Structures are given as structure tokens and as C-alpha cells.
Protein backbone atom coordinates (compact mmCIF):
# COMPACT_ATOMS: atom_id res chain seq x y z
CA MET A 1 -16.03 -5.32 -9.62
CA SER A 2 -15.77 -4.43 -5.96
CA THR A 3 -15.22 -6.91 -3.23
CA GLU A 4 -14.48 -6.83 0.56
CA LEU A 5 -10.96 -6.26 1.75
CA PRO A 6 -9.10 -9.49 2.85
CA ALA A 7 -8.49 -9.34 6.63
CA ILE A 8 -4.63 -8.94 6.19
CA VAL A 9 -5.04 -5.99 3.71
CA ALA A 10 -7.66 -4.26 5.99
CA GLU A 11 -5.17 -4.71 8.88
CA TYR A 12 -2.36 -3.17 6.63
CA ILE A 13 -4.49 -0.10 5.77
CA THR A 14 -5.53 0.17 9.43
CA ALA A 15 -1.82 0.05 10.41
CA VAL A 16 -0.90 2.72 7.90
CA ASN A 17 -3.65 5.01 9.12
CA ALA A 18 -2.49 4.38 12.72
CA LEU A 19 1.10 5.35 11.79
CA ASP A 20 2.41 2.10 13.42
CA THR A 21 5.51 0.85 11.68
CA ASP A 22 5.66 -2.41 13.57
CA ARG A 23 2.00 -3.20 12.93
CA ILE A 24 2.58 -2.37 9.11
CA VAL A 25 5.59 -4.72 8.89
CA ALA A 26 3.76 -7.40 10.73
CA THR A 27 1.29 -7.76 7.87
CA PHE A 28 4.09 -8.93 5.44
CA THR A 29 5.97 -12.35 4.97
CA PRO A 30 9.51 -12.08 6.01
CA ASP A 31 10.75 -12.26 2.48
CA ALA A 32 8.14 -9.93 1.00
CA TYR A 33 8.64 -7.60 -1.81
CA VAL A 34 7.38 -3.85 -1.98
CA ASN A 35 7.62 -1.68 -4.99
CA ASP A 36 6.85 1.97 -4.48
CA ASN A 37 7.31 4.49 -7.23
CA ARG A 38 9.67 2.08 -9.03
CA ARG A 39 11.78 1.47 -5.85
CA GLU A 40 12.14 -1.96 -4.74
CA MET A 41 12.35 -3.19 -1.04
CA TRP A 42 12.91 -6.79 -0.17
CA GLY A 43 12.47 -8.17 3.34
CA THR A 44 11.64 -7.02 6.79
CA GLU A 45 14.40 -4.65 7.53
CA ALA A 46 14.18 -2.72 4.23
CA MET A 47 10.43 -2.43 4.64
CA ARG A 48 10.76 -1.33 8.15
CA ALA A 49 13.08 1.46 7.11
CA PHE A 50 10.89 2.45 4.22
CA PHE A 51 7.58 2.54 6.06
CA ALA A 52 9.03 4.25 9.06
CA LYS A 53 10.44 7.13 6.92
CA GLU A 54 8.03 7.50 4.08
CA PHE A 55 4.70 6.46 5.52
CA VAL A 56 4.83 6.96 9.33
CA GLY A 57 7.45 9.85 9.09
CA ASP A 58 5.24 11.63 6.48
CA HIS A 59 1.99 10.84 8.20
CA VAL A 60 0.60 8.96 5.32
CA THR A 61 -3.01 7.93 5.35
CA MET A 62 -5.25 6.00 2.98
CA GLU A 63 -8.83 6.37 2.12
CA VAL A 64 -10.20 3.29 0.33
CA ARG A 65 -12.16 4.04 -2.72
CA GLU A 66 -12.40 0.70 -4.50
CA VAL A 67 -11.40 -2.99 -3.97
CA ILE A 68 -10.98 -5.50 -6.73
CA ASP A 69 -10.21 -9.20 -6.54
CA HIS A 70 -8.40 -10.06 -9.66
CA HIS A 71 -7.66 -13.90 -9.80
CA GLY A 72 -6.69 -13.81 -6.23
CA ASP A 73 -4.62 -10.58 -6.29
CA ILE A 74 -6.26 -7.70 -4.50
CA LEU A 75 -6.16 -4.14 -6.09
CA VAL A 76 -7.01 -1.31 -3.77
CA ARG A 77 -7.66 2.26 -5.19
CA ALA A 78 -7.23 4.64 -2.32
CA ALA A 79 -6.82 8.38 -1.82
CA PHE A 80 -3.39 9.05 -0.19
CA ASP A 81 -2.79 11.99 1.99
CA GLY A 82 0.04 13.14 4.50
CA THR A 83 2.77 15.68 4.93
CA TYR A 84 4.91 14.48 1.94
CA ASP A 85 5.93 16.75 -0.94
CA LYS A 86 2.80 17.15 -3.09
CA THR A 87 4.42 19.16 -5.81
CA ASN A 88 2.68 18.29 -9.17
CA LEU A 89 0.31 15.88 -7.67
CA PRO A 90 -3.50 16.23 -7.98
CA ASP A 91 -5.49 17.41 -4.94
CA ASP A 92 -7.28 13.99 -4.95
CA PHE A 93 -4.21 11.87 -5.09
CA VAL A 94 -5.49 8.24 -5.78
CA MET A 95 -3.04 5.37 -6.26
CA THR A 96 -3.64 1.56 -6.77
CA SER A 97 -2.01 -0.82 -4.42
CA TYR A 98 -1.62 -4.28 -5.83
CA PHE A 99 -1.51 -7.02 -3.16
CA SER A 100 -0.38 -10.70 -3.41
CA ILE A 101 -1.25 -12.65 -0.39
CA ARG A 102 0.24 -15.98 0.62
CA ASP A 103 -0.52 -18.04 3.77
CA GLY A 104 -2.52 -15.11 5.25
CA LYS A 105 0.24 -12.44 4.86
CA ILE A 106 1.16 -9.89 2.26
CA ALA A 107 3.83 -11.47 -0.04
CA SER A 108 4.16 -8.61 -2.44
CA LEU A 109 2.85 -5.06 -2.78
CA ALA A 110 3.26 -2.66 -5.58
CA VAL A 111 1.96 0.91 -5.23
CA ILE A 112 1.43 2.75 -8.54
CA PHE A 113 0.07 6.18 -9.51
CA ASN A 114 -1.81 5.14 -12.64
CA GLN A 115 -2.63 7.39 -15.43
CA PRO A 116 -5.83 7.24 -17.65
CA SER A 117 -5.52 5.10 -20.67
CA PRO A 118 -6.59 6.40 -23.97
CA TYR A 119 -8.05 2.87 -24.79
């Protein structure tokens, strides 16, 4: 089930692709939570350091492939690219970003490299 991107998620992706740390951070609530590759970041300063180094610093871009609204949470499957270490990653590196939105801002984001299920 595909849906349109909520405005704040579209702004987040645009900010990521523009390599703009301040603009990325501005899409989150001040007490937001981000989990990337099992690493937790809480709050503005931790997110600013993370996005500046690992997204902007590694020139990460996202190409949206699918958007799903699951009971108000937004799942975005996107191809990620950039200058980060791609050892053992597939050429078409697609991860799912799980967004929870509160009061027009991103309150939590989990970015996960899912594996196919045998079920």
C-alpha cells in the first residue's frame, strides 16, 4: 500500500539529499530519537553530530522507492548512496526508514537494513 510522503518526511529527505545538516535537524522534535544500525541518538545535539558526520560528511542521498502509512507511522523504503564504506553491501542498497510524527515534526526515526523473510 503506497501513499504520499507527509510534508515533514518529504522535507527530511530533501534536506538529506541537499546535504544540509541544519535543515535535517530542523525536521525533528527537540527530544527526538534516532536509531541507525542499532545505534541510538537522543535530542538535537546528538542528531546534529550524527547527521553532520554520517550523512552530510558521507554525502548520503536517498531515492524513495516506496512509502507506506502503517497506522500513522510512515515507512519509507529508499535506495541509499554516498561515499560511505560499502563493503559487503548490495549495489542497490535499500533500507527502510520508520518515521513517527508528532505535532508536524519527526519524533522518532529508525533506519533498518531489512533482510528477506522466509515467511
